[in-house]
Amino acid sequence: MNALLNKNIFLIKEQIGMFKASNNYDVYNPETNQAIMQSREPHLGFFTKLLRFTDFKRMTPFHIIITTATGEKVVSIQRGVTIFRSDVEVLDEKDRLIGMFKQKFFSFGGHFEIHDNNDRHICSLQGKWTGWDFKFTKDGKELGSVSKKWAGIGKEFFTSADNYVLQINETVAPDDAIRPLILAAVLCIDMVLKE
């Protein structure tokens, strides 16, 4: 696991562009306002690009690669074509399955069950239908949260609707295998639940 995942707060900014079919994000260190990771979708097919500009966007497949600022692969996220609910795979830097997200049917605000590579449930991600606040929970305890609110360093930089704050609780050990899954889940919230 990459040492960058040991941090507890990440600022995630979506790259906006005219006629942009791919989903691209930059991940910042809030203490320095420096980009430390980037998330790109480099291999989009022609028909997927076309469908991204229609109401079928939420059904299109994706393969997102998160790398360090120097290009070292950290984690990747992939999903095939979907109709009713999304099952998303998360792969490590060597393309080994480390976990998956299983979207729940008929959840208000969005709900994912997060599983490890042996399909064991390890935590849940639940959103509020009234806004953009999500919590990672396990056995009633909060492991982390995602929101659009930020009151720390870089507040003026992260104020638009396409920016997110991921905060992992200090109770989650720096080498805990759940950290890359939590980071990957932030992108899935945007692409699966909020597009």
Protein backbone atom coordinates (compact mmCIF):
# COMPACT_ATOMS: atom_id res chain seq x y z
CA MET A 1 0.00 0.00 0.00
CA ASN A 2 1.30 3.43 -0.95
CA ALA A 3 2.39 5.65 1.96
CA LEU A 4 0.23 8.52 0.65
CA LEU A 5 -2.81 6.58 1.87
CA ASN A 6 -1.62 7.04 5.48
CA LYS A 7 -3.01 10.58 5.54
CA ASN A 8 -6.33 11.26 7.26
CA ILE A 9 -7.62 14.18 5.16
CA PHE A 10 -7.76 14.41 1.38
CA LEU A 11 -9.22 17.16 -0.79
CA ILE A 12 -10.55 15.84 -4.09
CA LYS A 13 -11.24 18.14 -7.02
CA GLU A 14 -12.97 17.06 -10.20
CA GLN A 15 -11.45 18.40 -13.39
CA ILE A 16 -14.09 20.18 -15.41
CA GLY A 17 -13.95 20.58 -19.18
CA MET A 18 -16.19 21.24 -22.14
CA PHE A 19 -17.33 18.05 -23.88
CA LYS A 20 -15.36 15.90 -21.47
CA ALA A 21 -16.49 12.27 -21.36
CA SER A 22 -13.88 10.95 -18.93
CA ASN A 23 -13.95 11.34 -15.16
CA ASN A 24 -10.74 12.99 -13.95
CA TYR A 25 -9.92 14.06 -10.39
CA ASP A 26 -6.93 15.49 -8.54
CA VAL A 27 -6.27 14.60 -4.90
CA TYR A 28 -4.63 17.26 -2.73
CA ASN A 29 -2.83 17.37 0.59
CA PRO A 30 -4.78 20.03 2.57
CA GLU A 31 -1.71 21.06 4.55
CA THR A 32 0.24 22.12 1.47
CA ASN A 33 -2.43 22.50 -1.25
CA GLN A 34 -0.18 20.28 -3.39
CA ALA A 35 -1.61 17.65 -5.71
CA ILE A 36 -0.42 14.29 -4.39
CA MET A 37 -2.48 11.91 -6.55
CA GLN A 38 -4.49 12.01 -9.71
CA SER A 39 -7.34 9.90 -10.96
CA ARG A 40 -7.73 9.38 -14.69
CA GLU A 41 -9.88 7.33 -17.02
CA PRO A 42 -7.41 6.78 -19.88
CA HIS A 43 -9.01 4.04 -21.99
CA LEU A 44 -12.54 5.07 -22.95
CA GLY A 45 -14.14 3.36 -25.92
CA PHE A 46 -15.92 5.30 -28.65
CA PHE A 47 -19.44 4.18 -27.70
CA THR A 48 -18.82 4.78 -24.00
CA LYS A 49 -17.75 8.33 -24.81
CA LEU A 50 -20.94 8.87 -26.80
CA LEU A 51 -23.17 7.48 -24.03
CA ARG A 52 -21.49 9.71 -21.44
CA PHE A 53 -23.30 12.68 -23.02
CA THR A 54 -26.74 11.07 -22.65
CA ASP A 55 -29.08 9.99 -19.86
CA PHE A 56 -27.35 6.59 -19.99
CA LYS A 57 -24.16 7.99 -18.43
CA ARG A 58 -24.80 6.24 -15.09
CA MET A 59 -24.96 2.88 -16.88
CA THR A 60 -21.65 3.15 -18.73
CA PRO A 61 -18.59 1.12 -17.73
CA PHE A 62 -15.54 2.78 -16.24
CA HIS A 63 -11.92 1.95 -15.42
CA ILE A 64 -10.27 4.64 -13.31
CA ILE A 65 -6.59 4.58 -12.39
CA ILE A 66 -5.33 6.53 -9.36
CA THR A 67 -1.63 7.35 -9.48
CA THR A 68 0.83 9.45 -7.51
CA ALA A 69 1.91 12.82 -8.92
CA THR A 70 4.92 11.01 -10.42
CA GLY A 71 2.77 8.38 -12.17
CA GLU A 72 3.13 5.45 -9.75
CA LYS A 73 -0.09 3.42 -9.67
CA VAL A 74 -1.86 3.42 -6.29
CA VAL A 75 -5.22 1.76 -6.96
CA SER A 76 -7.72 1.28 -9.80
CA ILE A 77 -11.50 1.03 -9.91
CA GLN A 78 -13.56 -0.72 -12.54
CA ARG A 79 -17.15 -1.50 -13.36
CA GLY A 80 -18.85 -3.02 -16.38
CA VAL A 81 -22.12 -1.93 -17.93
CA THR A 82 -24.85 -1.67 -15.30
CA ILE A 83 -28.60 -1.36 -15.43
CA PHE A 84 -30.11 -1.42 -11.93
CA ARG A 85 -27.25 -1.40 -9.45
CA SER A 86 -23.48 -1.13 -9.49
CA ASP A 87 -20.92 -3.66 -8.34
CA VAL A 88 -17.50 -2.00 -8.51
CA GLU A 89 -14.13 -3.77 -8.18
CA VAL A 90 -11.10 -2.15 -6.55
CA LEU A 91 -7.63 -3.35 -7.58
CA ASP A 92 -4.23 -2.65 -6.02
CA GLU A 93 -1.16 -1.33 -7.82
CA LYS A 94 -0.47 -4.82 -9.25
CA ASP A 95 -4.08 -5.27 -10.47
CA ARG A 96 -5.00 -7.72 -7.70
CA LEU A 97 -8.54 -7.52 -6.36
CA ILE A 98 -8.56 -5.92 -2.90
CA GLY A 99 -12.26 -5.30 -2.51
CA MET A 100 -15.56 -4.32 -4.04
CA PHE A 101 -18.53 -2.05 -3.54
CA LYS A 102 -22.04 -3.41 -3.83
CA GLN A 103 -24.75 -0.83 -4.31
CA LYS A 104 -27.95 -1.43 -2.35
CA PHE A 105 -31.33 -1.27 -4.07
CA PHE A 106 -33.75 1.51 -3.13
CA SER A 107 -31.57 3.34 -0.63
CA PHE A 108 -32.30 6.99 0.13
CA GLY A 109 -29.19 9.06 -0.43
CA GLY A 110 -27.11 6.12 -1.63
CA HIS A 111 -25.71 3.08 0.11
CA PHE A 112 -22.77 0.80 -0.66
CA GLU A 113 -21.68 -2.32 1.16
CA ILE A 114 -17.88 -2.52 1.05
CA HIS A 115 -16.43 -6.04 0.83
CA ASP A 116 -12.89 -7.40 0.92
CA ASN A 117 -11.36 -9.58 -1.81
CA ASN A 118 -13.03 -12.67 -0.28
CA ASP A 119 -16.47 -11.00 -0.52
CA ARG A 120 -16.70 -10.49 3.26
CA HIS A 121 -18.52 -7.36 4.38
CA ILE A 122 -16.08 -4.96 6.07
CA CYS A 123 -18.02 -1.69 6.30
CA SER A 124 -20.86 0.35 4.86
CA LEU A 125 -21.08 3.70 3.11
CA GLN A 126 -24.35 5.53 3.71
CA GLY A 127 -25.43 8.91 2.41
CA LYS A 128 -28.14 11.38 3.31
CA TRP A 129 -30.78 12.01 0.68
CA THR A 130 -30.85 15.71 1.59
CA GLY A 131 -27.25 16.48 0.70
CA TRP A 132 -23.76 15.37 -0.08
CA ASP A 133 -22.70 13.86 3.24
CA PHE A 134 -21.56 10.23 3.43
CA LYS A 135 -20.30 8.16 6.35
CA PHE A 136 -18.20 5.00 6.40
CA THR A 137 -19.35 2.85 9.33
CA LYS A 138 -18.49 -0.51 10.82
CA ASP A 139 -20.41 -1.98 13.77
CA GLY A 140 -21.96 1.43 14.48
CA LYS A 141 -18.59 3.23 14.58
CA GLU A 142 -17.61 5.86 12.06
CA LEU A 143 -14.42 5.14 10.08
CA GLY A 144 -14.55 8.21 7.86
CA SER A 145 -16.71 10.72 6.07
CA VAL A 146 -17.07 12.47 2.74
CA SER A 147 -18.63 15.90 2.32
CA LYS A 148 -18.44 19.10 0.34
CA LYS A 149 -17.70 21.17 3.43
CA TRP A 150 -14.18 22.21 4.32
CA ALA A 151 -13.16 24.74 6.94
CA GLY A 152 -9.42 24.16 7.02
CA ILE A 153 -6.43 25.24 4.98
CA GLY A 154 -7.29 25.76 1.33
CA LYS A 155 -10.93 26.60 1.98
CA GLU A 156 -10.94 29.24 -0.75
CA PHE A 157 -9.51 26.74 -3.23
CA PHE A 158 -12.12 24.06 -2.55
CA THR A 159 -15.48 25.74 -2.72
CA SER A 160 -17.17 24.62 -5.96
CA ALA A 161 -19.76 21.86 -6.28
CA ASP A 162 -17.22 19.46 -7.77
CA ASN A 163 -14.87 19.28 -4.80
CA TYR A 164 -14.99 16.82 -1.93
CA VAL A 165 -13.36 16.33 1.45
CA LEU A 166 -12.49 12.82 2.59
CA GLN A 167 -11.69 12.52 6.28
CA ILE A 168 -10.51 9.16 7.64
CA ASN A 169 -10.75 8.85 11.41
CA GLU A 170 -7.51 8.58 13.35
CA THR A 171 -8.75 5.28 14.79
CA VAL A 172 -8.11 3.67 11.37
CA ALA A 173 -4.50 2.44 11.44
CA PRO A 174 -2.16 3.93 8.79
CA ASP A 175 -1.54 0.48 7.27
CA ASP A 176 -5.19 -0.67 7.42
CA ALA A 177 -6.25 -2.33 4.15
CA ILE A 178 -9.54 -0.42 4.25
CA ARG A 179 -7.83 2.90 3.39
CA PRO A 180 -7.51 2.35 -0.39
CA LEU A 181 -11.13 1.16 -0.46
CA ILE A 182 -12.30 4.33 1.30
CA LEU A 183 -10.39 6.54 -1.16
CA ALA A 184 -11.77 4.60 -4.13
CA ALA A 185 -15.31 4.86 -2.74
CA VAL A 186 -15.23 8.67 -2.99
CA LEU A 187 -14.95 8.44 -6.77
CA CYS A 188 -17.70 5.83 -6.88
CA ILE A 189 -20.05 8.11 -4.95
CA ASP A 190 -19.63 10.77 -7.59
CA MET A 191 -19.82 8.48 -10.61
CA VAL A 192 -22.47 6.00 -9.47
CA LEU A 193 -24.74 7.91 -7.11
CA LYS A 194 -24.43 11.59 -7.90
CA GLU A 195 -23.97 11.87 -11.70
